[in-house]
Amino acid sequence: MDTPKNLENIRKELEIISEKTRYKILLTLLASEKSLSFSRFRELLPSIPENTLNYHLKILKEQNFIKNEKRMGYKRSEPRSFYSLRKKSIDLLGNLGLNDVKEEFQALFKQMT
């Protein structure tokens, strides 16, 4: 029996985000209500080594779960990267019921910052 195309796509998306570091990244972005810089991720997720965080941000970006916006105007001359959720992530997290607890995530996030 063949799996319907949309279910196969959802299965693949769940497989990508089920890795614990990627899941933490997505939940952190969901709770933050705004885009986050790489250095801010490092502060919020100190247990994740820098190279591991960079690797998983890259995967999420390549798979269109997050977007990366370059911004100028910081201490160094090169632009800084800021990450935010794409609609694809918001929809998938919503299908998992996580948008229903978004306010709780945001309250916890505010306590951490």
Protein backbone atom coordinates (compact mmCIF):
# COMPACT_ATOMS: atom_id res chain seq x y z
CA MET A 1 0.00 0.00 0.00
CA ASP A 2 1.38 3.37 -1.00
CA THR A 3 1.54 6.23 1.49
CA PRO A 4 -0.24 9.37 0.32
CA LYS A 5 2.24 12.06 -0.80
CA ASN A 6 1.30 14.57 1.92
CA LEU A 7 1.77 11.96 4.67
CA GLU A 8 5.13 11.00 3.24
CA ASN A 9 6.19 14.66 3.29
CA ILE A 10 5.04 15.03 6.90
CA ARG A 11 6.95 11.86 7.83
CA LYS A 12 10.13 13.27 6.27
CA GLU A 13 9.66 16.62 8.02
CA LEU A 14 9.12 14.90 11.38
CA GLU A 15 12.23 12.82 10.81
CA ILE A 16 14.27 16.00 10.28
CA ILE A 17 12.98 17.86 13.32
CA SER A 18 12.95 14.85 15.65
CA GLU A 19 16.69 15.15 16.17
CA LYS A 20 16.94 16.64 19.68
CA THR A 21 19.17 19.62 18.84
CA ARG A 22 17.00 20.67 15.90
CA TYR A 23 13.90 20.29 18.03
CA LYS A 24 15.43 22.50 20.73
CA ILE A 25 16.31 25.12 18.11
CA LEU A 26 12.75 25.17 16.74
CA LEU A 27 11.19 25.35 20.21
CA THR A 28 13.56 28.17 21.17
CA LEU A 29 12.53 30.13 18.09
CA LEU A 30 8.87 29.40 18.75
CA ALA A 31 9.20 30.75 22.29
CA SER A 32 11.33 33.77 21.41
CA GLU A 33 8.69 35.60 19.33
CA LYS A 34 11.52 37.20 17.34
CA SER A 35 14.57 36.27 15.33
CA LEU A 36 17.66 35.18 17.22
CA SER A 37 21.33 35.64 16.46
CA PHE A 38 23.80 32.78 16.65
CA SER A 39 25.34 34.29 19.79
CA ARG A 40 21.89 34.50 21.41
CA PHE A 41 21.34 30.81 20.63
CA ARG A 42 24.66 30.09 22.36
CA GLU A 43 23.42 31.92 25.47
CA LEU A 44 20.04 30.19 25.48
CA LEU A 45 21.33 26.71 24.62
CA PRO A 46 24.73 26.53 26.40
CA SER A 47 24.79 22.72 26.47
CA ILE A 48 25.02 22.59 22.67
CA PRO A 49 28.59 22.96 21.36
CA GLU A 50 29.08 25.79 18.86
CA ASN A 51 29.97 23.53 15.94
CA THR A 52 26.95 21.29 16.63
CA LEU A 53 24.62 24.28 16.82
CA ASN A 54 26.01 25.66 13.56
CA TYR A 55 25.61 22.27 11.86
CA HIS A 56 21.94 21.89 12.86
CA LEU A 57 21.06 25.49 12.01
CA LYS A 58 22.49 24.81 8.57
CA ILE A 59 20.36 21.68 8.13
CA LEU A 60 17.19 23.47 9.26
CA LYS A 61 17.96 26.32 6.88
CA GLU A 62 18.65 23.99 3.93
CA GLN A 63 15.40 22.13 4.60
CA ASN A 64 13.47 25.45 4.74
CA PHE A 65 12.44 25.16 8.38
CA ILE A 66 14.15 28.41 9.32
CA LYS A 67 15.25 31.51 7.48
CA ASN A 68 18.50 33.34 7.91
CA GLU A 69 18.61 37.11 7.61
CA LYS A 70 21.94 38.93 7.46
CA ARG A 71 22.08 42.27 9.26
CA MET A 72 24.77 44.92 9.28
CA GLY A 73 25.55 47.56 11.86
CA TYR A 74 27.30 45.62 14.58
CA LYS A 75 30.75 45.93 16.18
CA ARG A 76 32.49 43.93 13.49
CA SER A 77 32.21 44.88 9.86
CA GLU A 78 30.68 41.58 8.68
CA PRO A 79 26.92 41.02 8.86
CA ARG A 80 25.40 38.97 11.66
CA SER A 81 22.96 36.14 11.02
CA PHE A 82 19.52 36.16 12.60
CA TYR A 83 17.30 33.10 12.44
CA SER A 84 13.51 32.83 12.51
CA LEU A 85 10.86 30.21 11.80
CA ARG A 86 9.43 29.74 8.34
CA LYS A 87 5.73 29.07 7.80
CA LYS A 88 6.60 25.41 7.17
CA SER A 89 7.89 25.09 10.76
CA ILE A 90 5.01 27.03 12.28
CA ASP A 91 2.53 24.79 10.47
CA LEU A 92 4.32 21.58 11.44
CA LEU A 93 4.66 22.63 15.08
CA GLY A 94 0.99 23.61 15.01
CA ASN A 95 0.06 20.16 13.70
CA LEU A 96 1.96 18.73 16.66
CA GLY A 97 -0.12 20.87 19.02
CA LEU A 98 2.79 23.06 20.07
CA ASN A 99 1.17 26.32 19.02
CA ASP A 100 -1.44 25.57 21.69
CA VAL A 101 1.25 25.82 24.36
CA LYS A 102 3.14 28.65 22.71
CA GLU A 103 2.19 31.12 25.44
CA GLU A 104 3.61 28.77 28.08
CA PHE A 105 6.85 28.47 26.09
CA GLN A 106 7.01 32.24 25.80
CA ALA A 107 6.49 32.69 29.56
CA LEU A 108 9.30 30.22 30.28
CA PHE A 109 11.49 31.94 27.72
CA LYS A 110 10.94 35.33 29.36
CA GLN A 111 11.94 33.85 32.72
CA MET A 112 15.20 32.62 31.19
CA THR A 113 16.13 35.98 29.70
